[in-house]
Amino acid sequence: MQIKNRIIFRIGATLGVLAIIAGSIGSHGIKFADEKAQKLYETGLLYLLIHLPVILICGVLDLKKQAYLMTAGVLMFSIPLLAKGIGVFDGGIIVPTGGMLMIVSWIWLIFIEKSESNDN
């Protein structure tokens, strides 16, 4: 396997490390205020973990624009949910904006052209 874009691949790997740390802290070190807070934390972690393989694959295929859009979406969606789950940040409009960015990045991947992975 040849990684065509090491920066994107490293971003994905770094997010993977952060996801594992957040999962470990969430399961062993956090006393959640209530069940809703725990569910918010788990949702943020789930979406982070779901998108990591796609970001890594984008690094392998050199799909820069799609990877950066998905990364921005994941950061704007998952990180505020993790923070909201532990009670340090509300998230506001950032969370739905991040969700929309993730949706757009998935739609973009659906319609990708063969030559687009080389032109990005």
C-alpha atoms as a PDB file:
ATOM      1  CA  MET A   1       0.000   0.000   0.000  1.00  0.00           C
ATOM      2  CA  GLN A   2       1.381   3.357  -1.012  1.00  0.00           C
ATOM      3  CA  ILE A   3       0.231   6.381   0.956  1.00  0.00           C
ATOM      4  CA  LYS A   4      -0.130   9.229  -1.527  1.00  0.00           C
ATOM      5  CA  ASN A   5      -0.780  11.969   1.028  1.00  0.00           C
ATOM      6  CA  ARG A   6       1.070  11.472   4.291  1.00  0.00           C
ATOM      7  CA  ILE A   7      -0.292  14.654   5.879  1.00  0.00           C
ATOM      8  CA  ILE A   8      -3.900  13.497   5.583  1.00  0.00           C
ATOM      9  CA  PHE A   9      -2.940  10.002   6.692  1.00  0.00           C
ATOM     10  CA  ARG A  10      -1.189  11.421   9.766  1.00  0.00           C
ATOM     11  CA  ILE A  11      -4.200  13.597  10.562  1.00  0.00           C
ATOM     12  CA  GLY A  12      -6.354  10.462  10.511  1.00  0.00           C
ATOM     13  CA  ALA A  13      -3.881   8.557  12.656  1.00  0.00           C
ATOM     14  CA  THR A  14      -3.696  11.430  15.147  1.00  0.00           C
ATOM     15  CA  LEU A  15      -7.481  11.518  15.375  1.00  0.00           C
ATOM     16  CA  GLY A  16      -7.342   7.774  15.989  1.00  0.00           C
ATOM     17  CA  VAL A  17      -5.003   8.240  18.937  1.00  0.00           C
ATOM     18  CA  LEU A  18      -7.273  10.978  20.324  1.00  0.00           C
ATOM     19  CA  ALA A  19     -10.337   8.754  19.877  1.00  0.00           C
ATOM     20  CA  ILE A  20      -8.749   5.883  21.793  1.00  0.00           C
ATOM     21  CA  ILE A  21      -7.660   8.233  24.584  1.00  0.00           C
ATOM     22  CA  ALA A  22     -11.144   9.793  24.743  1.00  0.00           C
ATOM     23  CA  GLY A  23     -12.738   6.348  24.811  1.00  0.00           C
ATOM     24  CA  SER A  24     -10.466   5.214  27.604  1.00  0.00           C
ATOM     25  CA  ILE A  25     -11.072   8.343  29.636  1.00  0.00           C
ATOM     26  CA  GLY A  26     -14.807   8.099  29.024  1.00  0.00           C
ATOM     27  CA  SER A  27     -15.021   4.508  30.172  1.00  0.00           C
ATOM     28  CA  HIS A  28     -12.660   4.744  33.142  1.00  0.00           C
ATOM     29  CA  GLY A  29     -12.187   8.307  34.304  1.00  0.00           C
ATOM     30  CA  ILE A  30     -15.299  10.417  33.859  1.00  0.00           C
ATOM     31  CA  LYS A  31     -18.274  10.611  36.185  1.00  0.00           C
ATOM     32  CA  PHE A  32     -21.024  11.828  33.872  1.00  0.00           C
ATOM     33  CA  ALA A  33     -23.678  14.148  35.289  1.00  0.00           C
ATOM     34  CA  ASP A  34     -26.476  12.005  33.878  1.00  0.00           C
ATOM     35  CA  GLU A  35     -27.289   9.464  31.191  1.00  0.00           C
ATOM     36  CA  LYS A  36     -27.867  12.184  28.582  1.00  0.00           C
ATOM     37  CA  ALA A  37     -24.349  13.541  29.092  1.00  0.00           C
ATOM     38  CA  GLN A  38     -22.915  10.054  28.707  1.00  0.00           C
ATOM     39  CA  LYS A  39     -24.901   9.503  25.485  1.00  0.00           C
ATOM     40  CA  LEU A  40     -23.600  12.801  24.051  1.00  0.00           C
ATOM     41  CA  TYR A  41     -20.046  11.734  24.824  1.00  0.00           C
ATOM     42  CA  GLU A  42     -20.585   8.294  23.291  1.00  0.00           C
ATOM     43  CA  THR A  43     -22.150   9.809  20.160  1.00  0.00           C
ATOM     44  CA  GLY A  44     -19.198  12.150  19.658  1.00  0.00           C
ATOM     45  CA  LEU A  45     -16.796   9.251  20.080  1.00  0.00           C
ATOM     46  CA  LEU A  46     -18.776   7.005  17.734  1.00  0.00           C
ATOM     47  CA  TYR A  47     -18.806   9.532  14.903  1.00  0.00           C
ATOM     48  CA  LEU A  48     -15.106  10.187  15.383  1.00  0.00           C
ATOM     49  CA  LEU A  49     -14.329   6.469  15.152  1.00  0.00           C
ATOM     50  CA  ILE A  50     -16.617   5.927  12.144  1.00  0.00           C
ATOM     51  CA  HIS A  51     -14.935   8.637  10.093  1.00  0.00           C
ATOM     52  CA  LEU A  52     -11.322   7.750  10.921  1.00  0.00           C
ATOM     53  CA  PRO A  53     -10.975   4.921   8.378  1.00  0.00           C
ATOM     54  CA  VAL A  54     -12.409   7.128   5.648  1.00  0.00           C
ATOM     55  CA  ILE A  55      -9.925   9.905   6.408  1.00  0.00           C
ATOM     56  CA  LEU A  56      -7.090   7.365   6.348  1.00  0.00           C
ATOM     57  CA  ILE A  57      -8.316   6.012   2.995  1.00  0.00           C
ATOM     58  CA  CYS A  58      -8.504   9.570   1.647  1.00  0.00           C
ATOM     59  CA  GLY A  59      -4.829   9.890   2.586  1.00  0.00           C
ATOM     60  CA  VAL A  60      -4.000   6.715   0.697  1.00  0.00           C
ATOM     61  CA  LEU A  61      -5.955   7.863  -2.374  1.00  0.00           C
ATOM     62  CA  ASP A  62      -4.834  11.517  -2.126  1.00  0.00           C
ATOM     63  CA  LEU A  63      -8.368  12.917  -1.863  1.00  0.00           C
ATOM     64  CA  LYS A  64      -7.283  16.140  -0.170  1.00  0.00           C
ATOM     65  CA  LYS A  65     -10.398  18.259  -0.408  1.00  0.00           C
ATOM     66  CA  GLN A  66     -12.732  15.502   0.713  1.00  0.00           C
ATOM     67  CA  ALA A  67     -10.418  14.562   3.588  1.00  0.00           C
ATOM     68  CA  TYR A  68     -10.066  18.123   4.835  1.00  0.00           C
ATOM     69  CA  LEU A  69     -13.822  18.681   4.626  1.00  0.00           C
ATOM     70  CA  MET A  70     -14.519  15.453   6.520  1.00  0.00           C
ATOM     71  CA  THR A  71     -11.847  16.249   9.111  1.00  0.00           C
ATOM     72  CA  ALA A  72     -13.323  19.701   9.695  1.00  0.00           C
ATOM     73  CA  GLY A  73     -16.772  18.153  10.050  1.00  0.00           C
ATOM     74  CA  VAL A  74     -15.588  15.515  12.498  1.00  0.00           C
ATOM     75  CA  LEU A  75     -13.733  18.073  14.604  1.00  0.00           C
ATOM     76  CA  MET A  76     -16.708  20.448  14.642  1.00  0.00           C
ATOM     77  CA  PHE A  77     -19.167  17.643  15.448  1.00  0.00           C
ATOM     78  CA  SER A  78     -17.366  15.172  17.680  1.00  0.00           C
ATOM     79  CA  ILE A  79     -15.127  17.359  19.826  1.00  0.00           C
ATOM     80  CA  PRO A  80     -17.968  19.657  21.006  1.00  0.00           C
ATOM     81  CA  LEU A  81     -20.124  16.600  21.787  1.00  0.00           C
ATOM     82  CA  LEU A  82     -17.303  15.099  23.834  1.00  0.00           C
ATOM     83  CA  ALA A  83     -16.889  18.426  25.648  1.00  0.00           C
ATOM     84  CA  LYS A  84     -20.643  18.797  26.161  1.00  0.00           C
ATOM     85  CA  GLY A  85     -20.777  15.280  27.569  1.00  0.00           C
ATOM     86  CA  ILE A  86     -18.290  16.182  30.280  1.00  0.00           C
ATOM     87  CA  GLY A  87     -19.991  19.531  30.869  1.00  0.00           C
ATOM     88  CA  VAL A  88     -17.337  21.998  29.729  1.00  0.00           C
ATOM     89  CA  PHE A  89     -18.787  23.340  26.462  1.00  0.00           C
ATOM     90  CA  ASP A  90     -22.292  23.665  25.031  1.00  0.00           C
ATOM     91  CA  GLY A  91     -21.410  23.369  21.339  1.00  0.00           C
ATOM     92  CA  GLY A  92     -24.127  25.656  20.023  1.00  0.00           C
ATOM     93  CA  ILE A  93     -24.267  25.940  16.239  1.00  0.00           C
ATOM     94  CA  ILE A  94     -20.854  24.268  15.843  1.00  0.00           C
ATOM     95  CA  VAL A  95     -22.235  20.727  16.206  1.00  0.00           C
ATOM     96  CA  PRO A  96     -24.883  20.901  13.445  1.00  0.00           C
ATOM     97  CA  THR A  97     -22.430  22.729  11.181  1.00  0.00           C
ATOM     98  CA  GLY A  98     -19.940  19.910  11.657  1.00  0.00           C
ATOM     99  CA  GLY A  99     -22.675  17.395  10.903  1.00  0.00           C
ATOM    100  CA  MET A 100     -23.489  19.173   7.646  1.00  0.00           C
ATOM    101  CA  LEU A 101     -19.810  19.178   6.652  1.00  0.00           C
ATOM    102  CA  MET A 102     -19.640  15.422   7.234  1.00  0.00           C
ATOM    103  CA  ILE A 103     -22.759  14.882   5.137  1.00  0.00           C
ATOM    104  CA  VAL A 104     -21.374  17.003   2.290  1.00  0.00           C
ATOM    105  CA  SER A 105     -18.057  15.141   2.391  1.00  0.00           C
ATOM    106  CA  TRP A 106     -19.855  11.779   2.113  1.00  0.00           C
ATOM    107  CA  ILE A 107     -21.956  13.041  -0.805  1.00  0.00           C
ATOM    108  CA  TRP A 108     -18.796  14.327  -2.485  1.00  0.00           C
ATOM    109  CA  LEU A 109     -17.239  10.863  -2.141  1.00  0.00           C
ATOM    110  CA  ILE A 110     -20.300   9.297  -3.777  1.00  0.00           C
ATOM    111  CA  PHE A 111     -19.827  11.374  -6.921  1.00  0.00           C
ATOM    112  CA  ILE A 112     -16.033  11.282  -7.129  1.00  0.00           C
ATOM    113  CA  GLU A 113     -14.567  10.821 -10.567  1.00  0.00           C
ATOM    114  CA  LYS A 114     -11.730   8.400 -11.246  1.00  0.00           C
ATOM    115  CA  SER A 115      -9.319  11.163 -12.246  1.00  0.00           C
ATOM    116  CA  GLU A 116     -10.198  13.293  -9.207  1.00  0.00           C
ATOM    117  CA  SER A 117      -7.936  11.329  -6.884  1.00  0.00           C
ATOM    118  CA  ASN A 118      -4.949  12.378  -9.009  1.00  0.00           C
ATOM    119  CA  ASP A 119      -6.023  15.979  -9.650  1.00  0.00           C
ATOM    120  CA  ASN A 120      -6.553  16.962  -6.013  1.00  0.00           C
END
